Amino acid sequence: MFNVQKIAPQKAKKLVEKGGLLIDVRSPVLYRDGTLPNAINVSLRNVSTLFKHPKQTSFILFGETDDDEDVKAAGNYLVQFGYTNVFTLGSKDNWSK
């Protein structure tokens, strides 16, 4: 199991401003009902669609809770395939903290 680094909201926002991708791993229904600005919805089973991005891409993953298992699994999957800038915001509610 790999460790995906937890990121503070302010640092996450700076990475997004520099081209980092904000990834909502929640279900399409929850995504549709409200997500973060500029976030894209990529559920756990579709994480491989992110492999089209360069290895140096920054990914900031978030889910429903701080301990969201899908966030952990998606992050570990990305790290396993050679991505080194993979972070977790935890819950989407952390964005506004």
N, C-alpha and C. Protein backbone atom coordinates (compact mmCIF):
# COMPACT_ATOMS: atom_id res chain seq x y z
N MET A 1 0.84 -1.19 0.00
CA MET A 1 0.00 0.00 0.00
C MET A 1 0.88 1.24 0.00
N PHE A 2 0.57 2.17 -0.85
CA PHE A 2 1.32 3.41 -0.96
C PHE A 2 0.69 4.47 -0.06
N ASN A 3 1.47 5.46 0.28
CA ASN A 3 0.93 6.58 1.06
C ASN A 3 0.72 7.77 0.15
N VAL A 4 -0.50 8.23 0.08
CA VAL A 4 -0.84 9.43 -0.68
C VAL A 4 -0.88 10.57 0.33
N GLN A 5 -0.14 11.60 0.06
CA GLN A 5 0.03 12.70 0.99
C GLN A 5 -1.22 13.56 1.12
N LYS A 6 -1.60 13.84 2.37
CA LYS A 6 -2.71 14.76 2.63
C LYS A 6 -2.21 16.17 2.35
N ILE A 7 -3.06 16.98 1.74
CA ILE A 7 -2.68 18.33 1.35
C ILE A 7 -3.63 19.34 1.99
N ALA A 8 -3.05 20.46 2.41
CA ALA A 8 -3.86 21.54 2.99
C ALA A 8 -4.63 22.24 1.86
N PRO A 9 -5.82 22.74 2.16
CA PRO A 9 -6.63 23.40 1.12
C PRO A 9 -5.90 24.52 0.39
N GLN A 10 -5.16 25.35 1.10
CA GLN A 10 -4.48 26.47 0.44
C GLN A 10 -3.43 25.97 -0.56
N LYS A 11 -2.70 24.93 -0.18
CA LYS A 11 -1.70 24.36 -1.09
C LYS A 11 -2.39 23.71 -2.29
N ALA A 12 -3.51 23.05 -2.03
CA ALA A 12 -4.27 22.42 -3.12
C ALA A 12 -4.73 23.47 -4.12
N LYS A 13 -5.22 24.58 -3.62
CA LYS A 13 -5.69 25.65 -4.51
C LYS A 13 -4.55 26.19 -5.36
N LYS A 14 -3.36 26.31 -4.79
CA LYS A 14 -2.20 26.78 -5.55
C LYS A 14 -1.82 25.78 -6.65
N LEU A 15 -1.88 24.49 -6.33
CA LEU A 15 -1.58 23.48 -7.34
C LEU A 15 -2.59 23.52 -8.49
N VAL A 16 -3.86 23.71 -8.16
CA VAL A 16 -4.90 23.81 -9.18
C VAL A 16 -4.65 25.03 -10.07
N GLU A 17 -4.27 26.15 -9.46
CA GLU A 17 -3.96 27.36 -10.23
C GLU A 17 -2.81 27.12 -11.20
N LYS A 18 -1.91 26.21 -10.84
CA LYS A 18 -0.75 25.91 -11.68
C LYS A 18 -1.01 24.74 -12.65
N GLY A 19 -2.27 24.33 -12.76
CA GLY A 19 -2.61 23.28 -13.70
C GLY A 19 -2.88 21.91 -13.11
N GLY A 20 -2.83 21.80 -11.78
CA GLY A 20 -3.16 20.53 -11.14
C GLY A 20 -4.63 20.19 -11.35
N LEU A 21 -4.94 18.92 -11.32
CA LEU A 21 -6.31 18.47 -11.55
C LEU A 21 -6.99 18.11 -10.24
N LEU A 22 -8.16 18.66 -10.03
CA LEU A 22 -8.98 18.40 -8.86
C LEU A 22 -9.94 17.27 -9.24
N ILE A 23 -9.79 16.13 -8.58
CA ILE A 23 -10.53 14.92 -8.96
C ILE A 23 -11.53 14.54 -7.87
N ASP A 24 -12.80 14.56 -8.23
CA ASP A 24 -13.90 14.14 -7.35
C ASP A 24 -14.15 12.67 -7.63
N VAL A 25 -13.82 11.80 -6.67
CA VAL A 25 -13.99 10.36 -6.88
C VAL A 25 -15.36 9.85 -6.44
N ARG A 26 -16.22 10.75 -6.02
CA ARG A 26 -17.56 10.34 -5.58
C ARG A 26 -18.41 9.90 -6.77
N SER A 27 -19.57 9.40 -6.49
CA SER A 27 -20.47 8.92 -7.54
C SER A 27 -20.91 10.08 -8.44
N PRO A 28 -21.28 9.78 -9.68
CA PRO A 28 -21.78 10.83 -10.57
C PRO A 28 -22.98 11.59 -10.00
N VAL A 29 -23.81 10.92 -9.21
CA VAL A 29 -24.98 11.57 -8.62
C VAL A 29 -24.54 12.63 -7.60
N LEU A 30 -23.60 12.27 -6.72
CA LEU A 30 -23.11 13.23 -5.74
C LEU A 30 -22.36 14.37 -6.43
N TYR A 31 -21.62 14.04 -7.47
CA TYR A 31 -20.90 15.06 -8.24
C TYR A 31 -21.89 16.07 -8.83
N ARG A 32 -22.94 15.54 -9.43
CA ARG A 32 -23.96 16.39 -10.06
C ARG A 32 -24.66 17.27 -9.03
N ASP A 33 -24.83 16.75 -7.83
CA ASP A 33 -25.52 17.49 -6.78
C ASP A 33 -24.67 18.58 -6.15
N GLY A 34 -23.39 18.62 -6.47
CA GLY A 34 -22.52 19.67 -5.95
C GLY A 34 -21.10 19.21 -5.77
N THR A 35 -20.19 19.90 -6.41
CA THR A 35 -18.77 19.57 -6.31
C THR A 35 -17.98 20.85 -6.14
N LEU A 36 -16.68 20.76 -6.25
CA LEU A 36 -15.81 21.93 -6.11
C LEU A 36 -15.58 22.57 -7.47
N PRO A 37 -15.26 23.88 -7.49
CA PRO A 37 -15.01 24.56 -8.76
C PRO A 37 -13.88 23.87 -9.54
N ASN A 38 -14.14 23.64 -10.81
CA ASN A 38 -13.17 23.05 -11.74
C ASN A 38 -12.85 21.58 -11.49
N ALA A 39 -13.58 20.93 -10.59
CA ALA A 39 -13.33 19.51 -10.33
C ALA A 39 -13.90 18.66 -11.46
N ILE A 40 -13.21 17.56 -11.73
CA ILE A 40 -13.74 16.60 -12.69
C ILE A 40 -14.10 15.33 -11.94
N ASN A 41 -15.11 14.64 -12.41
CA ASN A 41 -15.59 13.43 -11.75
C ASN A 41 -14.95 12.21 -12.40
N VAL A 42 -14.16 11.51 -11.60
CA VAL A 42 -13.55 10.26 -12.05
C VAL A 42 -13.73 9.25 -10.92
N SER A 43 -14.68 8.35 -11.10
CA SER A 43 -14.92 7.36 -10.06
C SER A 43 -13.76 6.37 -10.01
N LEU A 44 -13.68 5.63 -8.93
CA LEU A 44 -12.58 4.69 -8.73
C LEU A 44 -12.40 3.75 -9.91
N ARG A 45 -13.48 3.23 -10.44
CA ARG A 45 -13.35 2.26 -11.54
C ARG A 45 -12.88 2.90 -12.85
N ASN A 46 -12.89 4.22 -12.91
CA ASN A 46 -12.45 4.92 -14.13
C ASN A 46 -11.13 5.66 -13.96
N VAL A 47 -10.41 5.39 -12.88
CA VAL A 47 -9.15 6.09 -12.62
C VAL A 47 -8.16 5.93 -13.78
N SER A 48 -8.20 4.81 -14.45
CA SER A 48 -7.25 4.58 -15.55
C SER A 48 -7.39 5.61 -16.67
N THR A 49 -8.53 6.31 -16.73
CA THR A 49 -8.69 7.35 -17.76
C THR A 49 -7.73 8.52 -17.51
N LEU A 50 -7.21 8.62 -16.30
CA LEU A 50 -6.27 9.69 -15.97
C LEU A 50 -4.86 9.40 -16.49
N PHE A 51 -4.62 8.17 -16.93
CA PHE A 51 -3.28 7.79 -17.39
C PHE A 51 -2.86 8.51 -18.67
N LYS A 52 -3.78 9.22 -19.30
CA LYS A 52 -3.44 9.98 -20.51
C LYS A 52 -2.64 11.24 -20.15
N HIS A 53 -2.63 11.61 -18.87
CA HIS A 53 -1.92 12.81 -18.43
C HIS A 53 -0.45 12.49 -18.19
N PRO A 54 0.44 13.48 -18.36
CA PRO A 54 1.86 13.26 -18.10
C PRO A 54 2.11 12.85 -16.64
N LYS A 55 3.17 12.10 -16.42
CA LYS A 55 3.49 11.58 -15.09
C LYS A 55 3.70 12.68 -14.05
N GLN A 56 4.09 13.87 -14.48
CA GLN A 56 4.34 14.95 -13.53
C GLN A 56 3.07 15.73 -13.17
N THR A 57 1.93 15.35 -13.72
CA THR A 57 0.66 16.02 -13.40
C THR A 57 0.37 15.91 -11.91
N SER A 58 -0.11 17.00 -11.33
CA SER A 58 -0.54 16.98 -9.93
C SER A 58 -2.02 16.61 -9.88
N PHE A 59 -2.34 15.62 -9.07
CA PHE A 59 -3.72 15.20 -8.86
C PHE A 59 -4.09 15.46 -7.41
N ILE A 60 -5.19 16.16 -7.20
CA ILE A 60 -5.71 16.39 -5.86
C ILE A 60 -7.06 15.68 -5.80
N LEU A 61 -7.09 14.59 -5.06
CA LEU A 61 -8.28 13.75 -4.98
C LEU A 61 -9.11 14.11 -3.75
N PHE A 62 -10.43 14.01 -3.89
CA PHE A 62 -11.29 14.21 -2.72
C PHE A 62 -12.54 13.36 -2.86
N GLY A 63 -13.17 13.13 -1.70
CA GLY A 63 -14.38 12.32 -1.67
C GLY A 63 -15.39 12.89 -0.69
N GLU A 64 -16.20 12.01 -0.14
CA GLU A 64 -17.28 12.41 0.75
C GLU A 64 -16.78 12.68 2.18
N THR A 65 -15.79 11.89 2.62
CA THR A 65 -15.27 12.02 3.98
C THR A 65 -13.75 12.05 3.96
N ASP A 66 -13.15 12.38 5.09
CA ASP A 66 -11.69 12.40 5.19
C ASP A 66 -11.08 11.01 5.04
N ASP A 67 -11.84 9.99 5.39
CA ASP A 67 -11.33 8.61 5.30
C ASP A 67 -11.96 7.82 4.16
N ASP A 68 -12.32 8.51 3.10
CA ASP A 68 -12.98 7.88 1.96
C ASP A 68 -12.07 6.82 1.34
N GLU A 69 -12.51 5.59 1.35
CA GLU A 69 -11.71 4.47 0.83
C GLU A 69 -11.47 4.59 -0.68
N ASP A 70 -12.41 5.15 -1.41
CA ASP A 70 -12.21 5.32 -2.85
C ASP A 70 -11.10 6.31 -3.15
N VAL A 71 -10.98 7.34 -2.33
CA VAL A 71 -9.90 8.32 -2.50
C VAL A 71 -8.56 7.63 -2.28
N LYS A 72 -8.47 6.86 -1.21
CA LYS A 72 -7.22 6.14 -0.90
C LYS A 72 -6.87 5.18 -2.03
N ALA A 73 -7.84 4.41 -2.48
CA ALA A 73 -7.59 3.42 -3.53
C ALA A 73 -7.19 4.10 -4.85
N ALA A 74 -7.88 5.17 -5.21
CA ALA A 74 -7.56 5.88 -6.45
C ALA A 74 -6.16 6.47 -6.39
N GLY A 75 -5.82 7.06 -5.27
CA GLY A 75 -4.49 7.62 -5.10
C GLY A 75 -3.41 6.57 -5.18
N ASN A 76 -3.63 5.45 -4.52
CA ASN A 76 -2.66 4.36 -4.55
C ASN A 76 -2.50 3.80 -5.96
N TYR A 77 -3.58 3.73 -6.69
CA TYR A 77 -3.55 3.24 -8.07
C TYR A 77 -2.70 4.17 -8.94
N LEU A 78 -2.88 5.47 -8.80
CA LEU A 78 -2.10 6.43 -9.57
C LEU A 78 -0.61 6.33 -9.22
N VAL A 79 -0.30 6.23 -7.93
CA VAL A 79 1.09 6.10 -7.50
C VAL A 79 1.71 4.81 -8.05
N GLN A 80 0.95 3.74 -8.01
CA GLN A 80 1.42 2.45 -8.51
C GLN A 80 1.81 2.54 -9.99
N PHE A 81 1.13 3.40 -10.73
CA PHE A 81 1.42 3.53 -12.15
C PHE A 81 2.37 4.68 -12.46
N GLY A 82 3.10 5.13 -11.45
CA GLY A 82 4.20 6.05 -11.68
C GLY A 82 3.94 7.53 -11.50
N TYR A 83 2.76 7.89 -11.03
CA TYR A 83 2.48 9.30 -10.78
C TYR A 83 3.02 9.67 -9.39
N THR A 84 3.74 10.77 -9.33
CA THR A 84 4.41 11.13 -8.08
C THR A 84 3.79 12.32 -7.36
N ASN A 85 2.94 13.06 -8.03
CA ASN A 85 2.31 14.24 -7.43
C ASN A 85 0.83 13.95 -7.18
N VAL A 86 0.58 13.02 -6.29
CA VAL A 86 -0.78 12.60 -5.97
C VAL A 86 -1.07 12.96 -4.52
N PHE A 87 -2.14 13.73 -4.33
CA PHE A 87 -2.47 14.23 -3.00
C PHE A 87 -3.94 13.96 -2.70
N THR A 88 -4.28 13.97 -1.42
CA THR A 88 -5.67 13.87 -1.02
C THR A 88 -6.07 15.09 -0.21
N LEU A 89 -7.20 15.63 -0.56
CA LEU A 89 -7.80 16.73 0.20
C LEU A 89 -8.66 16.14 1.32
N GLY A 90 -9.01 14.86 1.18
CA GLY A 90 -9.94 14.22 2.11
C GLY A 90 -11.36 14.53 1.65
N SER A 91 -12.14 15.08 2.55
CA SER A 91 -13.52 15.46 2.24
C SER A 91 -13.57 16.71 1.38
N LYS A 92 -14.57 16.80 0.53
CA LYS A 92 -14.73 18.02 -0.29
C LYS A 92 -14.97 19.24 0.60
N ASP A 93 -15.50 19.02 1.80
CA ASP A 93 -15.75 20.13 2.72
C ASP A 93 -14.46 20.79 3.21
N ASN A 94 -13.33 20.11 3.09
CA ASN A 94 -12.05 20.68 3.53
C ASN A 94 -11.61 21.84 2.64
N TRP A 95 -12.12 21.91 1.43
CA TRP A 95 -11.75 22.96 0.47
C TRP A 95 -11.98 24.35 1.04
N SER A 96 -13.06 24.51 1.79
CA SER A 96 -13.42 25.84 2.30
C SER A 96 -12.83 26.14 3.68
N LYS A 97 -11.97 25.27 4.18
CA LYS A 97 -11.39 25.49 5.53
C LYS A 97 -10.16 26.35 5.45
